[in-house]
Amino acid sequence: MIEDVITTAHDERSHFGIDRTLKELRGFAIKNMTAKVTAHIAKCRSCCLGQTDRQQRMGAYMPVRPGPLPMQRIAIDFITRLPPTTAADSPWALTGFDTFDQILTITCTASKRSLLIPGHETYTSEHWAQVLARALMMADWGLPSIIISDRDRKFTKPFWRGLWKAFGTKLAMTTAHHPQADGLAERRNQVVETAIRLAYVEEPDRDWKLLLPAMQWNINSTFNVGSQCSAHEYIYGFRLNGAFQAANNPDAETLPYMREAVRTTAQLAMDLAAMKAKRWYDAKHRPIQLQAGDRVYLNLHHGYHLAGRPSPKWSQKRLGPFTIKRMVNDLAAELSLPSSMKIHPVISVQHLKPAHAGAHVDPEPGPVEASHDVEDDEGDVHYEIERLLDKRQLKDGTVKYKVRWKGWSPQYDQWVESTGISDAAIHTFEEQLAREKKSSTPRKGNRLRR
């Protein structure tokens, strides 16, 4: 009886919050009313999936510690969509590729030393492995013990993994849609992109490939706030002579002590910078402790999306709840996801929200035999379609539709070939698609006039 009253006051009154629901129940005498209303809203399916989270994001700051020696741990990332430039007569050129339109940035986590290697967007993992290994050998970096990168498709290929495993190098990949974990490479990319942009402002026809040697020198010889020294000083113990540096010939006997002093000071400076970053980051985030077996929701619209990418204004805010299989570390969890969700199961806690102990659980409904939306020739049991969400055509000409099964939640959406869907369902979807396309076409009167 009490649950029915609370359901009427909350579910049938636009799912208002705790305070407004309590105001609706002013005329009722319910023991522990506030606790009961709070528990009811925490378990409400619509609120759990569609309510906007206005609290601080979760997760504490966990800095990536630099290695004790330079060039042991490196971070790599791509700068993409650059203007195409010729690769002819270039020391970075590969056979079969005539242009460059990308840059691979390589940064040492300890010294902050960088390498800038041009490439092409069509390079495979084999090509980039060849380019990276050659660049490290030519620059006397040697083979690193750890490579930090995002989850780019090139870095997840078996060849890339197998090659660096054979070299004894550990691949430390970040979780998806969490660039903060590879912040050093992301920040270095911004520096390079800004330098190229400013060069194009001054000379729009300039070849950015010719800028890389001088740009790499300037980055490695300039002062770094985090380490309180330049990359050259960290590695050699003194500043190398350049166009604006006076001749600097340190005493050979004191050089080892100078280098050790620079590195010690740099390590202390980086530790201090990490402490400041943690204090600033943690002030804007709330701590969380998750463990295997807990249930969590997956937040949408910040990297993860529903099929067709519906507007975040009117579509649900999260999926789930899902069970945590294991905690990779304090900031990443491996979830037990349905096979229909083609995403990596290890997800940053920033994209998760803990589920209430009594939160709803969507049971996996069984097939509906009465439906003829999905057809087959063997007389198998049919599943009933609620609606079609999206359409795509593969390279071989196969047409597939994204299907929302009736009674199933969005995480069980699947791509089904058109041959397995009834003509009536496809016709309805195509008509809706045509109407949306027509409504999105700008009218003649709304066009800009010159």
Foldseek 3Di string as FASTA:
>chain_A
DVLVLLCCLAVVPPNDDLVSSVVVCVVDDDPPVSVVNVVCSLQDPCCQWAPDDPAFFEDFDDDDAADLDWLQEKEKDKDFQAPWDAPPPPPQDDPPDGTWGMWIWIAHPQLRAIAIHTDHPPDALVRVVVSVVVVCVVVVSPQHQEYEYEVPVRCPDPVNVVVVVVVNHHYHYDFALCCVRRVSNVVVSVVLVVVVVVVCVVPVPDDVVVVRVVVSVCQQQDADQQQRGGSCCQNFLDGDDDPPDDDDDDDPVCRVVSNVVSSVSSSVSNVVVSVVVRVVRPVRHHYDADFFFFWKWFFDDSRHAFPPRDDSVPDIGTDDGWTFHGAPDRFWTFTDADPQDPGGRIHGSSRIGTRDPNHDHQDDDDADQVDDFFDDDPSDRHFAFPAWRDWDADPVGWIWTFTDTPSDDRSPIHTDTPVGGDPVRVVVVVVVVVVVVVVPDDDPVPDDDD
